[in-house]
């Protein structure tokens, strides 16, 4: 293994993590795209892991905590899977930080951002909003609860 190339890969991994928190899979992909071979990528990732700069459990928890106000639990789960987080880690992170109240608050936030006017909305508009929210992974019961108390939108 080329020591100069390995040192360069380690520095590159540190530089990538400096700008943005990433999952292990994302870091591996980024290093591979930079042209590093799999064995060098593995050593570089292990190097940054040894310092605690990469931890998928912590990454997943932070991701859910930062995004739960505007996304459903299902959408958060799928986003984590897309980022290369294992199913177990994603499930645990989502379960730890999401509750029914969070879903209703998130729905209200989304309705507000979409300029949903519950007073003047006709049935067609209500159905359109419900379809959109359900496509984002929100449960029908949560949507109905949130839409029933629109005057409490924060």
Protein backbone atom coordinates (compact mmCIF):
# COMPACT_ATOMS: atom_id res chain seq x y z
CA UNK A 1 0.00 0.00 0.00
CA UNK A 2 1.37 3.38 -1.02
CA UNK A 3 2.00 5.33 2.21
CA UNK A 4 1.88 8.73 0.48
CA UNK A 5 -1.46 7.91 -1.09
CA UNK A 6 -2.75 6.60 2.24
CA UNK A 7 -1.69 9.79 4.03
CA UNK A 8 -3.36 11.85 1.31
CA UNK A 9 -6.58 9.83 1.68
CA UNK A 10 -6.60 10.31 5.45
CA UNK A 11 -6.15 14.05 5.04
CA UNK A 12 -8.86 14.13 2.40
CA UNK A 13 -11.25 12.26 4.73
CA UNK A 14 -10.55 14.77 7.51
CA UNK A 15 -11.09 17.65 5.10
CA UNK A 16 -14.43 16.21 3.89
CA UNK A 17 -15.67 15.86 7.47
CA UNK A 18 -14.51 19.36 8.32
CA UNK A 19 -17.14 20.90 6.08
CA UNK A 20 -20.06 18.60 6.76
CA UNK A 21 -21.08 15.74 9.00
CA UNK A 22 -21.42 12.52 7.00
CA UNK A 23 -22.35 8.89 7.44
CA UNK A 24 -19.67 6.26 7.01
CA UNK A 25 -21.18 5.14 3.70
CA UNK A 26 -21.24 8.71 2.43
CA UNK A 27 -17.58 9.23 3.34
CA UNK A 28 -16.61 5.96 1.65
CA UNK A 29 -18.50 6.99 -1.48
CA UNK A 30 -16.90 10.44 -1.53
CA UNK A 31 -13.38 9.00 -1.18
CA UNK A 32 -14.08 6.42 -3.89
CA UNK A 33 -15.29 9.20 -6.19
CA UNK A 34 -12.00 10.98 -5.54
CA UNK A 35 -10.25 7.98 -7.08
CA UNK A 36 -8.98 6.14 -4.00
CA UNK A 37 -8.99 2.35 -4.10
CA UNK A 38 -11.16 0.33 -1.71
CA UNK A 39 -8.31 -0.77 0.58
CA UNK A 40 -7.08 2.80 1.00
CA UNK A 41 -10.63 4.04 1.58
CA UNK A 42 -11.13 1.41 4.28
CA UNK A 43 -7.97 2.43 6.13
CA UNK A 44 -8.78 6.15 5.85
CA UNK A 45 -12.31 5.58 7.18
CA UNK A 46 -10.98 3.48 10.06
CA UNK A 47 -8.52 6.28 10.81
CA UNK A 48 -11.22 8.95 11.19
CA UNK A 49 -13.45 6.52 13.09
CA UNK A 50 -10.65 5.95 15.60
CA UNK A 51 -10.86 9.63 16.54
CA UNK A 52 -14.65 9.51 16.78
CA UNK A 53 -15.13 11.83 13.81
CA UNK A 54 -17.59 9.42 12.24
CA UNK A 55 -20.33 7.57 14.10
CA UNK A 56 -23.48 6.51 12.26
CA UNK A 57 -25.59 6.26 15.46
CA UNK A 58 -24.78 9.84 16.46
CA UNK A 59 -25.19 11.03 12.87
CA UNK A 60 -28.65 9.44 12.64
CA UNK A 61 -29.75 10.94 15.97
CA UNK A 62 -28.59 14.43 14.97
CA UNK A 63 -30.25 14.10 11.56
CA UNK A 64 -33.60 13.13 13.08
CA UNK A 65 -33.37 15.80 15.78
CA UNK A 66 -32.65 18.50 13.20
CA UNK A 67 -35.32 17.43 10.70
CA UNK A 68 -38.23 16.09 12.74
CA UNK A 69 -40.09 19.40 12.75
CA UNK A 70 -40.72 19.22 8.99
CA UNK A 71 -40.62 15.53 8.09
CA UNK A 72 -42.59 12.43 8.98
CA UNK A 73 -40.98 9.53 10.80
CA UNK A 74 -41.23 7.48 7.62
CA UNK A 75 -39.56 10.16 5.53
CA UNK A 76 -36.76 10.52 8.12
CA UNK A 77 -36.24 6.76 8.08
CA UNK A 78 -35.98 6.63 4.28
CA UNK A 79 -33.61 9.62 4.16
CA UNK A 80 -31.30 7.88 6.64
CA UNK A 81 -31.36 4.67 4.59
CA UNK A 82 -30.48 6.73 1.48
CA UNK A 83 -27.52 8.16 3.39
CA UNK A 84 -26.20 4.64 4.01
CA UNK A 85 -27.35 4.24 7.61
CA UNK A 86 -28.28 0.67 8.56
CA UNK A 87 -31.96 -0.14 9.02
CA UNK A 88 -31.55 -0.88 12.74
CA UNK A 89 -29.72 2.37 13.44
CA UNK A 90 -32.27 4.35 11.40
CA UNK A 91 -35.22 2.72 13.19
CA UNK A 92 -33.72 3.40 16.61
CA UNK A 93 -32.95 7.03 15.84
CA UNK A 94 -36.43 7.69 14.45
CA UNK A 95 -38.15 5.88 17.33
CA UNK A 96 -36.12 7.78 19.92
CA UNK A 97 -36.99 11.24 18.65
CA UNK A 98 -40.45 11.06 17.12
CA UNK A 99 -43.84 11.01 18.80
CA UNK A 100 -47.40 11.61 17.65
CA UNK A 101 -47.16 15.21 18.84
CA UNK A 102 -44.08 15.73 16.68
CA UNK A 103 -45.95 14.47 13.61
CA UNK A 104 -48.83 16.86 14.23
CA UNK A 105 -46.48 19.79 14.80
CA UNK A 106 -44.57 18.91 11.63
CA UNK A 107 -47.81 18.76 9.64
CA UNK A 108 -48.84 22.16 10.97
CA UNK A 109 -45.44 23.60 10.05
CA UNK A 110 -45.70 22.21 6.54
CA UNK A 111 -49.25 23.53 6.09
CA UNK A 112 -48.10 26.95 7.20
CA UNK A 113 -45.16 26.91 4.77
CA UNK A 114 -47.53 25.86 1.98
CA UNK A 115 -49.75 28.85 2.85
CA UNK A 116 -52.71 26.60 3.55
CA UNK A 117 -55.71 28.74 4.44
CA UNK A 118 -57.99 26.47 6.44
CA UNK A 119 -60.75 29.09 6.67
CA UNK A 120 -61.14 29.54 2.91
CA UNK A 121 -60.01 26.10 1.75
CA UNK A 122 -62.57 24.12 -0.20
CA UNK A 123 -62.77 20.33 -0.21
CA UNK A 124 -60.55 20.07 -3.28
CA UNK A 125 -57.78 22.07 -1.57
CA UNK A 126 -58.11 20.03 1.64
CA UNK A 127 -57.80 16.79 -0.32
CA UNK A 128 -54.81 18.16 -2.22
CA UNK A 129 -53.04 19.01 1.05
CA UNK A 130 -53.94 15.63 2.56
CA UNK A 131 -52.60 13.81 -0.49
CA UNK A 132 -49.36 15.78 -0.33
CA UNK A 133 -48.91 15.10 3.39
CA UNK A 134 -49.67 11.40 3.05
CA UNK A 135 -47.14 11.17 0.22
CA UNK A 136 -44.59 12.53 2.69
CA UNK A 137 -45.29 9.60 4.99
CA UNK A 138 -47.64 11.17 7.52
CA UNK A 139 -50.42 9.01 8.91
CA UNK A 140 -53.98 9.88 7.92
CA UNK A 141 -55.10 10.23 11.56
CA UNK A 142 -52.29 12.69 12.31
CA UNK A 143 -53.15 14.71 9.21
CA UNK A 144 -56.82 14.90 10.24
CA UNK A 145 -55.86 15.95 13.79
CA UNK A 146 -53.50 18.65 12.53
CA UNK A 147 -56.00 19.98 10.02
CA UNK A 148 -58.74 20.10 12.68
CA UNK A 149 -56.69 22.51 14.80
CA UNK A 150 -55.26 24.81 12.16
CA UNK A 151 -55.87 27.89 14.26
CA UNK A 152 -53.11 26.70 16.58
CA UNK A 153 -50.44 26.76 13.86
CA UNK A 154 -47.28 28.15 15.37
